[in-house]
């Protein structure tokens, strides 16, 4: 699974897709990660203001990693319509 993440909405979508791919509920992910279910809901809905540490807790629980690369010239706007 690979996602282009440029916004909090993109990140929330990627986390939601990873959670669903593992057949986890938000409650189950909360238990695994130590992050409140309400916080997971906010992240998955693209709301900003989440601590970076919280994001890394979710990434670790979902067995994901973040790779940072140079930004491509395209935009992520069209990608949201695909998902």
C-alpha atoms as a PDB file:
ATOM      1  CA  UNK A   1       0.000   0.000   0.000  1.00  0.00           C
ATOM      2  CA  UNK A   2       1.394   3.373  -1.008  1.00  0.00           C
ATOM      3  CA  UNK A   3      -0.224   6.781  -0.458  1.00  0.00           C
ATOM      4  CA  UNK A   4       0.785  10.275  -1.427  1.00  0.00           C
ATOM      5  CA  UNK A   5       0.395  12.380   1.722  1.00  0.00           C
ATOM      6  CA  UNK A   6       0.555  16.157   1.521  1.00  0.00           C
ATOM      7  CA  UNK A   7      -2.239  17.177   3.871  1.00  0.00           C
ATOM      8  CA  UNK A   8      -3.774  16.043   7.141  1.00  0.00           C
ATOM      9  CA  UNK A   9      -6.739  14.786   5.097  1.00  0.00           C
ATOM     10  CA  UNK A  10      -4.393  12.622   2.972  1.00  0.00           C
ATOM     11  CA  UNK A  11      -2.760  11.229   6.112  1.00  0.00           C
ATOM     12  CA  UNK A  12      -6.111  10.436   7.681  1.00  0.00           C
ATOM     13  CA  UNK A  13      -7.197   8.616   4.555  1.00  0.00           C
ATOM     14  CA  UNK A  14      -3.985   6.565   4.496  1.00  0.00           C
ATOM     15  CA  UNK A  15      -4.377   5.592   8.150  1.00  0.00           C
ATOM     16  CA  UNK A  16      -8.028   4.643   7.619  1.00  0.00           C
ATOM     17  CA  UNK A  17      -7.145   2.486   4.597  1.00  0.00           C
ATOM     18  CA  UNK A  18      -4.341   0.737   6.505  1.00  0.00           C
ATOM     19  CA  UNK A  19      -6.640   0.091   9.477  1.00  0.00           C
ATOM     20  CA  UNK A  20      -9.368  -1.328   7.256  1.00  0.00           C
ATOM     21  CA  UNK A  21      -6.855  -3.477   5.333  1.00  0.00           C
ATOM     22  CA  UNK A  22      -6.002  -5.112   8.657  1.00  0.00           C
ATOM     23  CA  UNK A  23      -9.714  -5.519   9.486  1.00  0.00           C
ATOM     24  CA  UNK A  24      -9.388  -3.398  12.613  1.00  0.00           C
ATOM     25  CA  UNK A  25     -11.989  -1.155  14.173  1.00  0.00           C
ATOM     26  CA  UNK A  26     -10.968   2.234  15.530  1.00  0.00           C
ATOM     27  CA  UNK A  27     -11.482   0.813  19.009  1.00  0.00           C
ATOM     28  CA  UNK A  28      -9.125  -2.099  18.313  1.00  0.00           C
ATOM     29  CA  UNK A  29      -6.492   0.239  16.866  1.00  0.00           C
ATOM     30  CA  UNK A  30      -6.873   2.462  19.924  1.00  0.00           C
ATOM     31  CA  UNK A  31      -6.157  -0.502  22.179  1.00  0.00           C
ATOM     32  CA  UNK A  32      -3.109  -1.515  20.128  1.00  0.00           C
ATOM     33  CA  UNK A  33      -1.632   1.986  19.873  1.00  0.00           C
ATOM     34  CA  UNK A  34      -2.584   3.611  23.160  1.00  0.00           C
ATOM     35  CA  UNK A  35      -4.320   6.407  21.220  1.00  0.00           C
ATOM     36  CA  UNK A  36      -7.904   7.311  22.137  1.00  0.00           C
ATOM     37  CA  UNK A  37     -10.556   6.152  19.663  1.00  0.00           C
ATOM     38  CA  UNK A  38     -11.868   9.704  19.415  1.00  0.00           C
ATOM     39  CA  UNK A  39      -8.405  10.908  18.383  1.00  0.00           C
ATOM     40  CA  UNK A  40      -8.195   8.217  15.702  1.00  0.00           C
ATOM     41  CA  UNK A  41     -11.555   9.361  14.368  1.00  0.00           C
ATOM     42  CA  UNK A  42     -10.338  12.972  14.198  1.00  0.00           C
ATOM     43  CA  UNK A  43      -7.140  11.960  12.398  1.00  0.00           C
ATOM     44  CA  UNK A  44      -9.002   9.756   9.912  1.00  0.00           C
ATOM     45  CA  UNK A  45     -11.332  12.681   9.172  1.00  0.00           C
ATOM     46  CA  UNK A  46      -8.375  14.925   8.363  1.00  0.00           C
ATOM     47  CA  UNK A  47      -8.545  17.258  11.319  1.00  0.00           C
ATOM     48  CA  UNK A  48      -5.217  18.888  12.097  1.00  0.00           C
ATOM     49  CA  UNK A  49      -3.643  19.602  15.433  1.00  0.00           C
ATOM     50  CA  UNK A  50      -2.552  16.069  16.286  1.00  0.00           C
ATOM     51  CA  UNK A  51       0.797  15.589  18.007  1.00  0.00           C
ATOM     52  CA  UNK A  52       3.442  14.014  15.796  1.00  0.00           C
ATOM     53  CA  UNK A  53       4.086  11.434  18.523  1.00  0.00           C
ATOM     54  CA  UNK A  54       0.449  10.316  18.258  1.00  0.00           C
ATOM     55  CA  UNK A  55       0.771   9.852  14.500  1.00  0.00           C
ATOM     56  CA  UNK A  56       3.904   7.752  15.000  1.00  0.00           C
ATOM     57  CA  UNK A  57       2.095   5.621  17.602  1.00  0.00           C
ATOM     58  CA  UNK A  58      -0.583   4.829  15.009  1.00  0.00           C
ATOM     59  CA  UNK A  59       1.975   4.243  12.254  1.00  0.00           C
ATOM     60  CA  UNK A  60       3.835   1.771  14.470  1.00  0.00           C
ATOM     61  CA  UNK A  61       0.656  -0.059  15.522  1.00  0.00           C
ATOM     62  CA  UNK A  62      -0.316  -0.443  11.850  1.00  0.00           C
ATOM     63  CA  UNK A  63       3.201  -1.642  10.968  1.00  0.00           C
ATOM     64  CA  UNK A  64       3.719   1.244   8.537  1.00  0.00           C
ATOM     65  CA  UNK A  65       6.596   3.603   7.920  1.00  0.00           C
ATOM     66  CA  UNK A  66       6.957   7.094   6.531  1.00  0.00           C
ATOM     67  CA  UNK A  67       9.320   7.900   3.671  1.00  0.00           C
ATOM     68  CA  UNK A  68      10.153  11.527   2.922  1.00  0.00           C
ATOM     69  CA  UNK A  69      10.996  12.416  -0.683  1.00  0.00           C
ATOM     70  CA  UNK A  70      11.152  15.521  -2.823  1.00  0.00           C
ATOM     71  CA  UNK A  71       7.757  16.808  -3.806  1.00  0.00           C
ATOM     72  CA  UNK A  72       6.591  15.927  -7.299  1.00  0.00           C
ATOM     73  CA  UNK A  73       5.096  18.557  -9.574  1.00  0.00           C
ATOM     74  CA  UNK A  74       1.621  17.017  -9.552  1.00  0.00           C
ATOM     75  CA  UNK A  75      -1.060  17.784  -7.013  1.00  0.00           C
ATOM     76  CA  UNK A  76      -2.880  15.417  -4.716  1.00  0.00           C
ATOM     77  CA  UNK A  77      -6.281  16.952  -5.535  1.00  0.00           C
ATOM     78  CA  UNK A  78      -7.199  14.361  -8.166  1.00  0.00           C
ATOM     79  CA  UNK A  79      -6.078  11.450  -6.001  1.00  0.00           C
ATOM     80  CA  UNK A  80      -8.780  12.052  -3.411  1.00  0.00           C
ATOM     81  CA  UNK A  81     -11.440  11.392  -6.042  1.00  0.00           C
ATOM     82  CA  UNK A  82      -9.934   7.963  -6.759  1.00  0.00           C
ATOM     83  CA  UNK A  83     -10.400   6.816  -3.171  1.00  0.00           C
END
